[in-house]
Amino acid sequence: MTEGADQLWYARAVLADIAAHDDAVVIAACRLVEASTTDSTEQADTAQLRERLEGAGGRT
């Protein structure tokens, strides 16, 4: 597996358990998935999550 694939795998793992990660890590994972995926549904869902987190100014 290549380094890029490892990064994408990790980003997806972060998104599968967002409660275990702070907002900055989740947002970074969203950006990586958005830029790397070829799945338009995954890209849209990830963008929506990122926009929610960025707009909320953080989770409480």
Protein backbone atom coordinates (compact mmCIF):
# COMPACT_ATOMS: atom_id res chain seq x y z
CA MET A 1 0.00 0.00 0.00
CA THR A 2 1.26 3.50 -0.72
CA GLU A 3 1.63 6.32 1.77
CA GLY A 4 -1.31 8.19 0.20
CA ALA A 5 -3.52 5.15 0.59
CA ASP A 6 -2.44 4.86 4.25
CA GLN A 7 -3.36 8.50 4.81
CA LEU A 8 -6.75 8.01 3.18
CA TRP A 9 -7.37 4.89 5.28
CA TYR A 10 -6.50 6.82 8.46
CA ALA A 11 -8.71 9.76 7.46
CA ARG A 12 -11.63 7.41 6.89
CA ALA A 13 -10.97 5.76 10.27
CA VAL A 14 -11.10 9.19 11.93
CA LEU A 15 -14.41 9.93 10.23
CA ALA A 16 -15.80 6.57 11.34
CA ASP A 17 -15.27 7.61 14.99
CA ILE A 18 -15.40 11.41 15.11
CA ALA A 19 -16.28 11.45 18.82
CA ALA A 20 -12.78 10.17 19.61
CA HIS A 21 -11.05 13.06 17.81
CA ASP A 22 -10.96 16.81 18.19
CA ASP A 23 -12.45 19.10 15.55
CA ALA A 24 -9.12 20.01 13.97
CA VAL A 25 -8.30 16.35 13.30
CA VAL A 26 -11.78 15.65 11.93
CA ILE A 27 -11.66 18.70 9.66
CA ALA A 28 -8.22 17.69 8.36
CA ALA A 29 -9.52 14.18 7.70
CA CYS A 30 -12.51 15.63 5.85
CA ARG A 31 -10.24 17.71 3.64
CA LEU A 32 -8.04 14.74 2.82
CA VAL A 33 -11.00 12.54 1.92
CA GLU A 34 -12.60 15.31 -0.14
CA ALA A 35 -9.39 15.74 -2.12
CA SER A 36 -8.62 12.03 -2.52
CA THR A 37 -11.86 10.13 -3.02
CA THR A 38 -13.34 9.29 -6.38
CA ASP A 39 -16.74 8.59 -4.80
CA SER A 40 -18.96 11.64 -5.28
CA THR A 41 -21.30 10.63 -2.45
CA GLU A 42 -18.42 10.22 0.00
CA GLN A 43 -17.01 13.56 -1.13
CA ALA A 44 -20.35 15.36 -0.65
CA ASP A 45 -21.00 13.78 2.76
CA THR A 46 -17.51 14.64 3.94
CA ALA A 47 -17.79 18.23 2.69
CA GLN A 48 -21.09 18.60 4.53
CA LEU A 49 -19.56 17.36 7.79
CA ARG A 50 -16.55 19.67 7.40
CA GLU A 51 -18.75 22.68 6.69
CA ARG A 52 -20.89 21.89 9.75
CA LEU A 53 -17.83 21.68 11.99
CA GLU A 54 -16.25 24.82 10.58
CA GLY A 55 -19.52 26.73 10.86
CA ALA A 56 -20.20 25.56 14.40
CA GLY A 57 -16.89 26.87 15.68
CA GLY A 58 -16.22 23.58 17.38
CA ARG A 59 -18.14 20.90 19.22
CA THR A 60 -18.98 21.12 22.88
